[in-house]
Each structure stands twice: as C-alpha cells, then as structure tokens.
C-alpha cells in the first residue's frame, strides 16, 4: 500500500470512529431524553393525536408502568425529572402532553382555553391503551401520577364514577385499568369528595398551599375511607405549591387563575421545599412499590 492509500485508509478509520462515537452519543442522549411518541386519545369517534415521551428501563420486561399527567403550566423539566426517576426504579414512564395538540403552552393564565374535563381523562385512557400494546409492559401493573391540574385526572382514572361516566360516553377502558393513582397538590378534590376511589390513591400536598387548598383533599380522604376506599394523604407543614420543583424560589405568581382568590383570579405562592420533596419521592416509591411492584 502506498503512502496516499495509507493516508486515505487512516482518514476512513478516523471518520468511522467519529461516526460511531456520534451514533453512540445520540443513542445515549435519546435514552436520557426519552422517546417521543404519539398516541390517539380515547375520545370516541374523534380521537385527538396526543404527543408523549416514553422512558423505558433496559431489558425485555415486562415492566410495570406509570402515566405522568402535567399541571397547568404544561410538561416541565420537573416532569421529566420525575419520569427519569420512575424509569430508574424499573417502570416504563409515559409523559402525556395534553397542551401542545390543543394549541396552547400555558393553561394557568386567565386567557388560557379551558378544555372540557373529559379531554384530559381521555388522554390518560389513550396512554393506558398505548401501554397495553407495548410487549414490554405488564398490563396488570399500570399506575398514574399527576400534578395540580393533572392531579385531578390521576385521581379520576381510579375513581369509580369517573370511569362509569367515561364508559357511558363510549370510552373503551382496557381492563384491569389503572391499578393505583397519586395526586401531587391536585386540583379538583372537591369534585370527588362524594365519589369513590376503586384503586389505591395517595395525595401529597403542602399544608400552606394557597392554589390547590389541602382542605378539600383531606375531606376526600376522610369521606372515601369511611366508605371503604384505600385513600391516604400526606400534608407537608409550611410547604406550598411546586414543593417538588427543584430550584423553584418562593414566588408569588401574579398571573395565574386561582379559584381560592376573590373572583377566581389571580395569584398563588410557589416554592421548592427540599424536605417535602425528598419525602414525596420516598412515599411515591413505596406506594408504587406496594401496588405495582416490579417482579
């Protein structure tokens, strides 16, 4: 081989090494970022195509799975942090983006559209259907977790009357459905006080939350437990909304809808609370570990 040929061969080898490194990095980044997918929601007749991000553990499975439902500010860095944390504990984590296909990024401001309550419920059921089609997911071990606006839907998907209303609309809910639900500072507790959770439900909320008040959630747990539901609540003293959002400074959000303020507008206190966040992660791990435990 002459010098020119040797030089060309060396260049090709270097290019291949660079390409292989680039492909390896891309795969690793994709694994960290999750895989983008699209799912039809469960609205009968007119399903909406909803984007989602799936985080999957290594291996063949079958794995338990958790559907993540964002708050009114939409999918955030904190949502992805939770998803990666859930994935790292042996679950498929599926983040459902309910805002993008409806044309808005922030559902907290007074000018934001207010989609019918059935729509986000249908998004969650669509996520359940998608997970049932995954050969690496154990259909009998799927749960849901939601924050704030999404919290009422992680509660609704384990609420008997909500499921019956969905079926009455023609929504196909694959059995056995969601096996457990977690609501993190959830909205809508007052709407479910007189209803009944048919799967285990855990609520985590700051005792000083002035956006989604803890009182109605306490009432929900007391009322439903009296009728046999497996519901529980943890109140974090001194904690506010977004107590689990790492780096969130204590702030008064002045432009958000708040039904607890005169006229339903505006303002709410948000702040990260390291102790509350650590306890919340621990309790979610224990709760899903008991009800969806990887085998």
C-alpha atoms as a PDB file:
ATOM      1  CA  UNK A   1       0.000   0.000   0.000  1.00  0.00           C
ATOM      2  CA  UNK A   2       1.436   3.425  -0.996  1.00  0.00           C
ATOM      3  CA  UNK A   3       1.526   6.491   1.261  1.00  0.00           C
ATOM      4  CA  UNK A   4      -1.600   8.026  -0.281  1.00  0.00           C
ATOM      5  CA  UNK A   5      -3.559   4.791   0.212  1.00  0.00           C
ATOM      6  CA  UNK A   6      -2.371   4.559   3.818  1.00  0.00           C
ATOM      7  CA  UNK A   7      -3.405   8.176   4.407  1.00  0.00           C
ATOM      8  CA  UNK A   8      -6.885   7.558   2.912  1.00  0.00           C
ATOM      9  CA  UNK A   9      -7.305   4.369   4.961  1.00  0.00           C
ATOM     10  CA  UNK A  10      -6.391   6.241   8.136  1.00  0.00           C
ATOM     11  CA  UNK A  11      -8.838   9.027   7.307  1.00  0.00           C
ATOM     12  CA  UNK A  12     -11.640   6.499   6.707  1.00  0.00           C
ATOM     13  CA  UNK A  13     -10.931   4.789  10.021  1.00  0.00           C
ATOM     14  CA  UNK A  14     -10.968   8.137  11.808  1.00  0.00           C
ATOM     15  CA  UNK A  15     -14.263   9.078  10.127  1.00  0.00           C
ATOM     16  CA  UNK A  16     -15.798   5.739  11.121  1.00  0.00           C
ATOM     17  CA  UNK A  17     -14.625   6.180  14.708  1.00  0.00           C
ATOM     18  CA  UNK A  18     -16.119   9.691  14.774  1.00  0.00           C
ATOM     19  CA  UNK A  19     -19.379   8.446  13.270  1.00  0.00           C
ATOM     20  CA  UNK A  20     -19.579   5.578  15.765  1.00  0.00           C
ATOM     21  CA  UNK A  21     -18.999   7.981  18.650  1.00  0.00           C
ATOM     22  CA  UNK A  22     -21.696  10.302  17.300  1.00  0.00           C
ATOM     23  CA  UNK A  23     -24.191   7.439  16.972  1.00  0.00           C
ATOM     24  CA  UNK A  24     -23.333   6.207  20.484  1.00  0.00           C
ATOM     25  CA  UNK A  25     -23.801   9.689  21.939  1.00  0.00           C
ATOM     26  CA  UNK A  26     -27.097  10.108  20.076  1.00  0.00           C
ATOM     27  CA  UNK A  27     -28.385   6.813  21.470  1.00  0.00           C
ATOM     28  CA  UNK A  28     -27.345   7.756  24.994  1.00  0.00           C
ATOM     29  CA  UNK A  29     -28.920  11.202  24.690  1.00  0.00           C
ATOM     30  CA  UNK A  30     -32.127   9.662  23.346  1.00  0.00           C
ATOM     31  CA  UNK A  31     -32.163   7.285  26.303  1.00  0.00           C
ATOM     32  CA  UNK A  32     -31.771  10.193  28.729  1.00  0.00           C
ATOM     33  CA  UNK A  33     -34.314  12.359  26.938  1.00  0.00           C
ATOM     34  CA  UNK A  34     -36.866   9.620  26.351  1.00  0.00           C
ATOM     35  CA  UNK A  35     -38.507   8.519  23.113  1.00  0.00           C
ATOM     36  CA  UNK A  36     -41.097  10.785  21.535  1.00  0.00           C
ATOM     37  CA  UNK A  37     -44.299   9.009  20.568  1.00  0.00           C
ATOM     38  CA  UNK A  38     -47.823   9.961  19.541  1.00  0.00           C
ATOM     39  CA  UNK A  39     -50.970   8.330  20.816  1.00  0.00           C
ATOM     40  CA  UNK A  40     -54.642   8.695  19.890  1.00  0.00           C
ATOM     41  CA  UNK A  41     -56.627   9.671  22.942  1.00  0.00           C
ATOM     42  CA  UNK A  42     -59.766   7.719  23.866  1.00  0.00           C
ATOM     43  CA  UNK A  43     -62.386  10.251  22.765  1.00  0.00           C
ATOM     44  CA  UNK A  44     -64.978   8.169  20.883  1.00  0.00           C
ATOM     45  CA  UNK A  45     -65.286   8.954  17.190  1.00  0.00           C
ATOM     46  CA  UNK A  46     -62.861  11.890  17.144  1.00  0.00           C
ATOM     47  CA  UNK A  47     -59.633  10.814  18.852  1.00  0.00           C
ATOM     48  CA  UNK A  48     -57.015  13.540  19.189  1.00  0.00           C
ATOM     49  CA  UNK A  49     -53.384  12.734  18.373  1.00  0.00           C
ATOM     50  CA  UNK A  50     -51.502  13.484  21.579  1.00  0.00           C
ATOM     51  CA  UNK A  51     -47.698  13.689  21.859  1.00  0.00           C
ATOM     52  CA  UNK A  52     -45.967  11.837  24.672  1.00  0.00           C
ATOM     53  CA  UNK A  53     -42.478  10.968  25.850  1.00  0.00           C
ATOM     54  CA  UNK A  54     -41.654   7.440  26.920  1.00  0.00           C
ATOM     55  CA  UNK A  55     -38.828   6.481  29.269  1.00  0.00           C
ATOM     56  CA  UNK A  56     -38.112   2.759  29.249  1.00  0.00           C
ATOM     57  CA  UNK A  57     -35.822   0.721  31.508  1.00  0.00           C
ATOM     58  CA  UNK A  58     -33.172  -1.501  29.964  1.00  0.00           C
ATOM     59  CA  UNK A  59     -34.171  -5.085  29.345  1.00  0.00           C
ATOM     60  CA  UNK A  60     -37.034  -7.036  27.846  1.00  0.00           C
ATOM     61  CA  UNK A  61     -39.563  -6.618  30.651  1.00  0.00           C
ATOM     62  CA  UNK A  62     -42.387  -6.960  31.186  1.00  0.00           C
ATOM     63  CA  UNK A  63     -42.196  -3.814  33.308  1.00  0.00           C
ATOM     64  CA  UNK A  64     -44.835  -2.029  35.348  1.00  0.00           C
ATOM     65  CA  UNK A  65     -45.655   1.438  34.011  1.00  0.00           C
ATOM     66  CA  UNK A  66     -46.701   4.888  35.206  1.00  0.00           C
ATOM     67  CA  UNK A  67     -48.523   7.582  33.221  1.00  0.00           C
ATOM     68  CA  UNK A  68     -47.484  11.144  34.138  1.00  0.00           C
ATOM     69  CA  UNK A  69     -50.021  13.985  33.817  1.00  0.00           C
ATOM     70  CA  UNK A  70     -48.633  17.530  33.895  1.00  0.00           C
ATOM     71  CA  UNK A  71     -50.007  20.599  35.647  1.00  0.00           C
ATOM     72  CA  UNK A  72     -51.453  23.719  34.039  1.00  0.00           C
ATOM     73  CA  UNK A  73     -48.003  25.056  33.127  1.00  0.00           C
ATOM     74  CA  UNK A  74     -47.529  22.044  30.839  1.00  0.00           C
ATOM     75  CA  UNK A  75     -44.730  19.485  30.608  1.00  0.00           C
ATOM     76  CA  UNK A  76     -41.736  20.850  32.517  1.00  0.00           C
ATOM     77  CA  UNK A  77     -38.178  19.928  33.428  1.00  0.00           C
ATOM     78  CA  UNK A  78     -39.587  18.674  36.731  1.00  0.00           C
ATOM     79  CA  UNK A  79     -41.964  16.343  34.868  1.00  0.00           C
ATOM     80  CA  UNK A  80     -39.013  14.833  33.014  1.00  0.00           C
ATOM     81  CA  UNK A  81     -37.027  14.576  36.248  1.00  0.00           C
ATOM     82  CA  UNK A  82     -39.854  12.553  37.789  1.00  0.00           C
ATOM     83  CA  UNK A  83     -40.103  10.379  34.659  1.00  0.00           C
ATOM     84  CA  UNK A  84     -36.403   9.540  34.696  1.00  0.00           C
ATOM     85  CA  UNK A  85     -36.579   8.807  38.423  1.00  0.00           C
ATOM     86  CA  UNK A  86     -39.551   6.469  37.852  1.00  0.00           C
ATOM     87  CA  UNK A  87     -37.762   4.780  34.920  1.00  0.00           C
ATOM     88  CA  UNK A  88     -34.656   4.249  37.033  1.00  0.00           C
ATOM     89  CA  UNK A  89     -36.787   2.268  39.506  1.00  0.00           C
ATOM     90  CA  UNK A  90     -37.866  -0.255  36.908  1.00  0.00           C
ATOM     91  CA  UNK A  91     -41.009   1.295  35.441  1.00  0.00           C
ATOM     92  CA  UNK A  92     -41.905   2.478  31.969  1.00  0.00           C
ATOM     93  CA  UNK A  93     -42.705   6.175  32.444  1.00  0.00           C
ATOM     94  CA  UNK A  94     -45.001   7.840  29.900  1.00  0.00           C
ATOM     95  CA  UNK A  95     -45.405  11.646  29.974  1.00  0.00           C
ATOM     96  CA  UNK A  96     -48.624  12.774  28.267  1.00  0.00           C
ATOM     97  CA  UNK A  97     -48.549  16.279  26.736  1.00  0.00           C
ATOM     98  CA  UNK A  98     -52.174  17.433  26.780  1.00  0.00           C
ATOM     99  CA  UNK A  99     -51.480  21.093  25.902  1.00  0.00           C
ATOM    100  CA  UNK A 100     -49.489  21.032  22.649  1.00  0.00           C
ATOM    101  CA  UNK A 101     -52.152  19.354  20.452  1.00  0.00           C
ATOM    102  CA  UNK A 102     -54.728  21.823  21.768  1.00  0.00           C
ATOM    103  CA  UNK A 103     -52.638  24.778  20.728  1.00  0.00           C
ATOM    104  CA  UNK A 104     -51.500  26.317  23.992  1.00  0.00           C
ATOM    105  CA  UNK A 105     -48.472  26.046  26.245  1.00  0.00           C
ATOM    106  CA  UNK A 106     -49.717  27.601  29.490  1.00  0.00           C
ATOM    107  CA  UNK A 107     -53.081  26.678  30.929  1.00  0.00           C
ATOM    108  CA  UNK A 108     -52.594  28.678  34.127  1.00  0.00           C
ATOM    109  CA  UNK A 109     -53.249  32.208  32.840  1.00  0.00           C
ATOM    110  CA  UNK A 110     -56.768  33.707  32.791  1.00  0.00           C
ATOM    111  CA  UNK A 111     -56.785  33.901  28.988  1.00  0.00           C
ATOM    112  CA  UNK A 112     -55.984  30.192  28.513  1.00  0.00           C
ATOM    113  CA  UNK A 113     -58.676  27.967  26.998  1.00  0.00           C
ATOM    114  CA  UNK A 114     -60.430  25.663  29.420  1.00  0.00           C
ATOM    115  CA  UNK A 115     -60.818  22.271  27.720  1.00  0.00           C
ATOM    116  CA  UNK A 116     -63.705  20.074  28.874  1.00  0.00           C
ATOM    117  CA  UNK A 117     -62.794  17.843  31.802  1.00  0.00           C
ATOM    118  CA  UNK A 118     -63.389  14.765  29.661  1.00  0.00           C
ATOM    119  CA  UNK A 119     -60.487  15.604  27.344  1.00  0.00           C
ATOM    120  CA  UNK A 120     -57.617  15.051  29.768  1.00  0.00           C
ATOM    121  CA  UNK A 121     -59.354  11.962  31.121  1.00  0.00           C
ATOM    122  CA  UNK A 122     -59.466  10.656  27.537  1.00  0.00           C
ATOM    123  CA  UNK A 123     -55.753  11.469  27.111  1.00  0.00           C
ATOM    124  CA  UNK A 124     -54.927   9.354  30.156  1.00  0.00           C
ATOM    125  CA  UNK A 125     -57.016   6.430  28.902  1.00  0.00           C
ATOM    126  CA  UNK A 126     -55.340   6.749  25.490  1.00  0.00           C
ATOM    127  CA  UNK A 127     -51.996   6.417  27.270  1.00  0.00           C
ATOM    128  CA  UNK A 128     -53.287   3.291  29.004  1.00  0.00           C
ATOM    129  CA  UNK A 129     -54.291   1.801  25.641  1.00  0.00           C
ATOM    130  CA  UNK A 130     -50.845   2.576  24.205  1.00  0.00           C
ATOM    131  CA  UNK A 131     -49.108   0.901  27.142  1.00  0.00           C
ATOM    132  CA  UNK A 132     -51.312  -2.187  26.743  1.00  0.00           C
ATOM    133  CA  UNK A 133     -49.930  -2.507  23.213  1.00  0.00           C
ATOM    134  CA  UNK A 134     -46.310  -2.479  24.414  1.00  0.00           C
ATOM    135  CA  UNK A 135     -44.986  -6.065  24.707  1.00  0.00           C
ATOM    136  CA  UNK A 136     -42.556  -4.939  27.416  1.00  0.00           C
ATOM    137  CA  UNK A 137     -45.322  -3.536  29.692  1.00  0.00           C
ATOM    138  CA  UNK A 138     -47.207  -5.612  32.246  1.00  0.00           C
ATOM    139  CA  UNK A 139     -50.846  -4.642  31.661  1.00  0.00           C
ATOM    140  CA  UNK A 140     -51.806  -5.610  35.206  1.00  0.00           C
ATOM    141  CA  UNK A 141     -49.397  -3.112  36.790  1.00  0.00           C
ATOM    142  CA  UNK A 142     -50.031   0.381  35.412  1.00  0.00           C
ATOM    143  CA  UNK A 143     -50.468   3.460  37.607  1.00  0.00           C
ATOM    144  CA  UNK A 144     -50.879   7.209  37.183  1.00  0.00           C
ATOM    145  CA  UNK A 145     -49.387  10.281  38.823  1.00  0.00           C
ATOM    146  CA  UNK A 146     -50.436  13.870  38.212  1.00  0.00           C
ATOM    147  CA  UNK A 147     -49.577  17.346  39.451  1.00  0.00           C
ATOM    148  CA  UNK A 148     -52.019  20.188  40.143  1.00  0.00           C
ATOM    149  CA  UNK A 149     -54.381  20.304  37.131  1.00  0.00           C
ATOM    150  CA  UNK A 150     -53.133  16.855  36.132  1.00  0.00           C
ATOM    151  CA  UNK A 151     -53.644  15.587  39.659  1.00  0.00           C
ATOM    152  CA  UNK A 152     -57.416  15.547  39.397  1.00  0.00           C
ATOM    153  CA  UNK A 153     -57.084  13.231  36.388  1.00  0.00           C
ATOM    154  CA  UNK A 154     -54.657  10.852  38.090  1.00  0.00           C
ATOM    155  CA  UNK A 155     -57.380  10.624  40.745  1.00  0.00           C
ATOM    156  CA  UNK A 156     -60.213  10.376  38.201  1.00  0.00           C
ATOM    157  CA  UNK A 157     -58.697   7.344  36.457  1.00  0.00           C
ATOM    158  CA  UNK A 158     -59.022   5.361  39.704  1.00  0.00           C
ATOM    159  CA  UNK A 159     -62.401   6.878  40.627  1.00  0.00           C
ATOM    160  CA  UNK A 160     -65.358   4.545  40.072  1.00  0.00           C
ATOM    161  CA  UNK A 161     -67.970   7.129  38.994  1.00  0.00           C
ATOM    162  CA  UNK A 162     -65.465   8.835  36.638  1.00  0.00           C
ATOM    163  CA  UNK A 163     -64.788   5.505  34.952  1.00  0.00           C
ATOM    164  CA  UNK A 164     -68.512   4.801  34.640  1.00  0.00           C
ATOM    165  CA  UNK A 165     -69.141   8.231  33.116  1.00  0.00           C
ATOM    166  CA  UNK A 166     -66.352   7.556  30.631  1.00  0.00           C
ATOM    167  CA  UNK A 167     -67.831   4.207  29.644  1.00  0.00           C
ATOM    168  CA  UNK A 168     -71.256   5.834  29.257  1.00  0.00           C
ATOM    169  CA  UNK A 169     -69.689   8.206  26.696  1.00  0.00           C
ATOM    170  CA  UNK A 170     -68.323   5.205  24.809  1.00  0.00           C
ATOM    171  CA  UNK A 171     -64.747   5.381  26.078  1.00  0.00           C
ATOM    172  CA  UNK A 172     -63.050   1.979  25.886  1.00  0.00           C
ATOM    173  CA  UNK A 173     -61.102   1.429  29.092  1.00  0.00           C
ATOM    174  CA  UNK A 174     -58.914  -1.677  28.817  1.00  0.00           C
ATOM    175  CA  UNK A 175     -59.014  -3.961  31.839  1.00  0.00           C
ATOM    176  CA  UNK A 176     -57.841  -4.011  34.514  1.00  0.00           C
ATOM    177  CA  UNK A 177     -57.358  -0.264  34.105  1.00  0.00           C
ATOM    178  CA  UNK A 178     -55.111   1.844  36.309  1.00  0.00           C
ATOM    179  CA  UNK A 179     -54.144  -0.005  39.462  1.00  0.00           C
ATOM    180  CA  UNK A 180     -53.051   2.967  41.595  1.00  0.00           C
ATOM    181  CA  UNK A 181     -53.055   6.765  41.464  1.00  0.00           C
ATOM    182  CA  UNK A 182     -51.020   9.580  43.016  1.00  0.00           C
ATOM    183  CA  UNK A 183     -52.129  13.214  43.133  1.00  0.00           C
ATOM    184  CA  UNK A 184     -49.421  15.773  43.920  1.00  0.00           C
ATOM    185  CA  UNK A 185     -51.023  19.042  45.124  1.00  0.00           C
ATOM    186  CA  UNK A 186     -54.024  18.070  42.985  1.00  0.00           C
ATOM    187  CA  UNK A 187     -56.827  20.320  41.900  1.00  0.00           C
ATOM    188  CA  UNK A 188     -60.403  19.095  41.869  1.00  0.00           C
ATOM    189  CA  UNK A 189     -60.508  17.281  45.214  1.00  0.00           C
ATOM    190  CA  UNK A 190     -63.810  18.962  45.999  1.00  0.00           C
ATOM    191  CA  UNK A 191     -65.390  17.354  42.917  1.00  0.00           C
ATOM    192  CA  UNK A 192     -64.504  13.848  44.106  1.00  0.00           C
ATOM    193  CA  UNK A 193     -65.304  14.083  47.828  1.00  0.00           C
ATOM    194  CA  UNK A 194     -68.636  12.284  47.447  1.00  0.00           C
ATOM    195  CA  UNK A 195     -67.334   9.778  44.899  1.00  0.00           C
ATOM    196  CA  UNK A 196     -65.292   6.623  45.467  1.00  0.00           C
ATOM    197  CA  UNK A 197     -61.791   5.524  44.505  1.00  0.00           C
ATOM    198  CA  UNK A 198     -61.782   1.892  43.405  1.00  0.00           C
ATOM    199  CA  UNK A 199     -57.965   1.609  43.453  1.00  0.00           C
ATOM    200  CA  UNK A 200     -55.407   2.829  45.995  1.00  0.00           C
ATOM    201  CA  UNK A 201     -54.958   6.611  45.959  1.00  0.00           C
ATOM    202  CA  UNK A 202     -52.218   8.728  47.559  1.00  0.00           C
ATOM    203  CA  UNK A 203     -52.399  12.528  47.824  1.00  0.00           C
ATOM    204  CA  UNK A 204     -49.327  14.661  48.618  1.00  0.00           C
ATOM    205  CA  UNK A 205     -49.868  18.367  49.291  1.00  0.00           C
ATOM    206  CA  UNK A 206     -48.370  21.320  51.146  1.00  0.00           C
ATOM    207  CA  UNK A 207     -50.256  22.370  54.258  1.00  0.00           C
ATOM    208  CA  UNK A 208     -49.802  26.031  53.214  1.00  0.00           C
ATOM    209  CA  UNK A 209     -50.770  25.530  49.565  1.00  0.00           C
ATOM    210  CA  UNK A 210     -52.912  28.534  48.613  1.00  0.00           C
ATOM    211  CA  UNK A 211     -53.509  27.431  45.000  1.00  0.00           C
ATOM    212  CA  UNK A 212     -54.976  23.958  45.498  1.00  0.00           C
ATOM    213  CA  UNK A 213     -56.117  24.034  49.108  1.00  0.00           C
ATOM    214  CA  UNK A 214     -55.454  20.930  51.206  1.00  0.00           C
ATOM    215  CA  UNK A 215     -58.831  21.074  52.998  1.00  0.00           C
ATOM    216  CA  UNK A 216     -60.955  19.529  50.227  1.00  0.00           C
ATOM    217  CA  UNK A 217     -58.332  16.802  49.715  1.00  0.00           C
ATOM    218  CA  UNK A 218     -58.460  15.971  53.420  1.00  0.00           C
ATOM    219  CA  UNK A 219     -62.248  15.815  53.161  1.00  0.00           C
ATOM    220  CA  UNK A 220     -61.968  13.485  50.159  1.00  0.00           C
ATOM    221  CA  UNK A 221     -59.756  11.054  52.046  1.00  0.00           C
ATOM    222  CA  UNK A 222     -61.936  11.049  55.166  1.00  0.00           C
ATOM    223  CA  UNK A 223     -65.155  10.671  53.166  1.00  0.00           C
ATOM    224  CA  UNK A 224     -63.898   7.929  50.883  1.00  0.00           C
ATOM    225  CA  UNK A 225     -62.097   5.980  53.601  1.00  0.00           C
ATOM    226  CA  UNK A 226     -65.375   5.890  55.556  1.00  0.00           C
ATOM    227  CA  UNK A 227     -66.864   4.073  52.565  1.00  0.00           C
ATOM    228  CA  UNK A 228     -64.054   1.564  52.183  1.00  0.00           C
ATOM    229  CA  UNK A 229     -61.689   3.270  49.739  1.00  0.00           C
ATOM    230  CA  UNK A 230     -57.932   2.827  50.132  1.00  0.00           C
ATOM    231  CA  UNK A 231     -57.074   6.528  50.159  1.00  0.00           C
ATOM    232  CA  UNK A 232     -54.394   8.404  52.092  1.00  0.00           C
ATOM    233  CA  UNK A 233     -52.982  11.926  52.304  1.00  0.00           C
ATOM    234  CA  UNK A 234     -49.724  13.495  53.454  1.00  0.00           C
ATOM    235  CA  UNK A 235     -49.657  17.196  54.382  1.00  0.00           C
ATOM    236  CA  UNK A 236     -46.269  18.924  54.442  1.00  0.00           C
ATOM    237  CA  UNK A 237     -46.126  21.695  57.075  1.00  0.00           C
ATOM    238  CA  UNK A 238     -45.015  25.037  55.660  1.00  0.00           C
ATOM    239  CA  UNK A 239     -44.933  23.720  52.080  1.00  0.00           C
ATOM    240  CA  UNK A 240     -46.534  25.425  49.078  1.00  0.00           C
ATOM    241  CA  UNK A 241     -47.433  24.510  45.513  1.00  0.00           C
ATOM    242  CA  UNK A 242     -44.462  23.202  43.474  1.00  0.00           C
ATOM    243  CA  UNK A 243     -42.724  21.971  46.627  1.00  0.00           C
ATOM    244  CA  UNK A 244     -41.102  19.242  44.476  1.00  0.00           C
ATOM    245  CA  UNK A 245     -39.816  21.567  41.713  1.00  0.00           C
ATOM    246  CA  UNK A 246     -36.104  21.722  42.415  1.00  0.00           C
ATOM    247  CA  UNK A 247     -34.699  25.253  42.325  1.00  0.00           C
ATOM    248  CA  UNK A 248     -38.105  26.950  42.458  1.00  0.00           C
ATOM    249  CA  UNK A 249     -37.644  30.056  44.607  1.00  0.00           C
ATOM    250  CA  UNK A 250     -40.513  31.201  46.756  1.00  0.00           C
ATOM    251  CA  UNK A 251     -42.511  33.371  44.390  1.00  0.00           C
ATOM    252  CA  UNK A 252     -45.949  34.897  44.126  1.00  0.00           C
ATOM    253  CA  UNK A 253     -47.283  34.072  40.660  1.00  0.00           C
ATOM    254  CA  UNK A 254     -49.493  37.048  39.885  1.00  0.00           C
ATOM    255  CA  UNK A 255     -50.914  35.971  36.533  1.00  0.00           C
ATOM    256  CA  UNK A 256     -52.404  32.552  37.307  1.00  0.00           C
ATOM    257  CA  UNK A 257     -56.043  31.612  37.785  1.00  0.00           C
ATOM    258  CA  UNK A 258     -56.789  30.761  41.407  1.00  0.00           C
ATOM    259  CA  UNK A 259     -60.341  29.832  42.378  1.00  0.00           C
ATOM    260  CA  UNK A 260     -59.379  30.382  46.017  1.00  0.00           C
ATOM    261  CA  UNK A 261     -58.846  34.096  45.444  1.00  0.00           C
ATOM    262  CA  UNK A 262     -61.703  36.635  45.091  1.00  0.00           C
ATOM    263  CA  UNK A 263     -63.190  36.327  41.631  1.00  0.00           C
ATOM    264  CA  UNK A 264     -61.045  33.292  40.844  1.00  0.00           C
ATOM    265  CA  UNK A 265     -58.106  35.470  39.863  1.00  0.00           C
ATOM    266  CA  UNK A 266     -55.252  35.800  40.418  1.00  0.00           C
ATOM    267  CA  UNK A 267     -52.085  34.745  42.197  1.00  0.00           C
ATOM    268  CA  UNK A 268     -50.550  31.816  44.024  1.00  0.00           C
ATOM    269  CA  UNK A 269     -47.472  31.102  46.107  1.00  0.00           C
ATOM    270  CA  UNK A 270     -44.970  28.543  44.811  1.00  0.00           C
ATOM    271  CA  UNK A 271     -41.752  27.326  46.438  1.00  0.00           C
ATOM    272  CA  UNK A 272     -39.403  24.346  46.471  1.00  0.00           C
ATOM    273  CA  UNK A 273     -39.178  22.520  49.794  1.00  0.00           C
ATOM    274  CA  UNK A 274     -36.272  20.069  49.873  1.00  0.00           C
ATOM    275  CA  UNK A 275     -37.521  18.080  52.851  1.00  0.00           C
ATOM    276  CA  UNK A 276     -41.046  17.752  51.465  1.00  0.00           C
ATOM    277  CA  UNK A 277     -39.715  16.791  48.030  1.00  0.00           C
ATOM    278  CA  UNK A 278     -37.444  14.096  49.454  1.00  0.00           C
ATOM    279  CA  UNK A 279     -40.312  12.652  51.459  1.00  0.00           C
ATOM    280  CA  UNK A 280     -42.635  12.773  48.438  1.00  0.00           C
ATOM    281  CA  UNK A 281     -40.186  10.815  46.281  1.00  0.00           C
ATOM    282  CA  UNK A 282     -39.790   8.271  49.068  1.00  0.00           C
ATOM    283  CA  UNK A 283     -43.536   7.872  49.527  1.00  0.00           C
ATOM    284  CA  UNK A 284     -44.206   7.540  45.793  1.00  0.00           C
ATOM    285  CA  UNK A 285     -41.515   4.856  45.566  1.00  0.00           C
ATOM    286  CA  UNK A 286     -43.092   2.985  48.458  1.00  0.00           C
ATOM    287  CA  UNK A 287     -46.656   3.431  47.175  1.00  0.00           C
ATOM    288  CA  UNK A 288     -45.976   2.244  43.623  1.00  0.00           C
ATOM    289  CA  UNK A 289     -43.638  -0.389  45.028  1.00  0.00           C
ATOM    290  CA  UNK A 290     -46.514  -1.894  47.001  1.00  0.00           C
ATOM    291  CA  UNK A 291     -49.155  -1.641  44.287  1.00  0.00           C
ATOM    292  CA  UNK A 292     -47.184  -2.002  41.036  1.00  0.00           C
ATOM    293  CA  UNK A 293     -44.012  -3.615  42.373  1.00  0.00           C
ATOM    294  CA  UNK A 294     -41.511  -4.749  39.716  1.00  0.00           C
ATOM    295  CA  UNK A 295     -41.088  -8.509  39.960  1.00  0.00           C
END
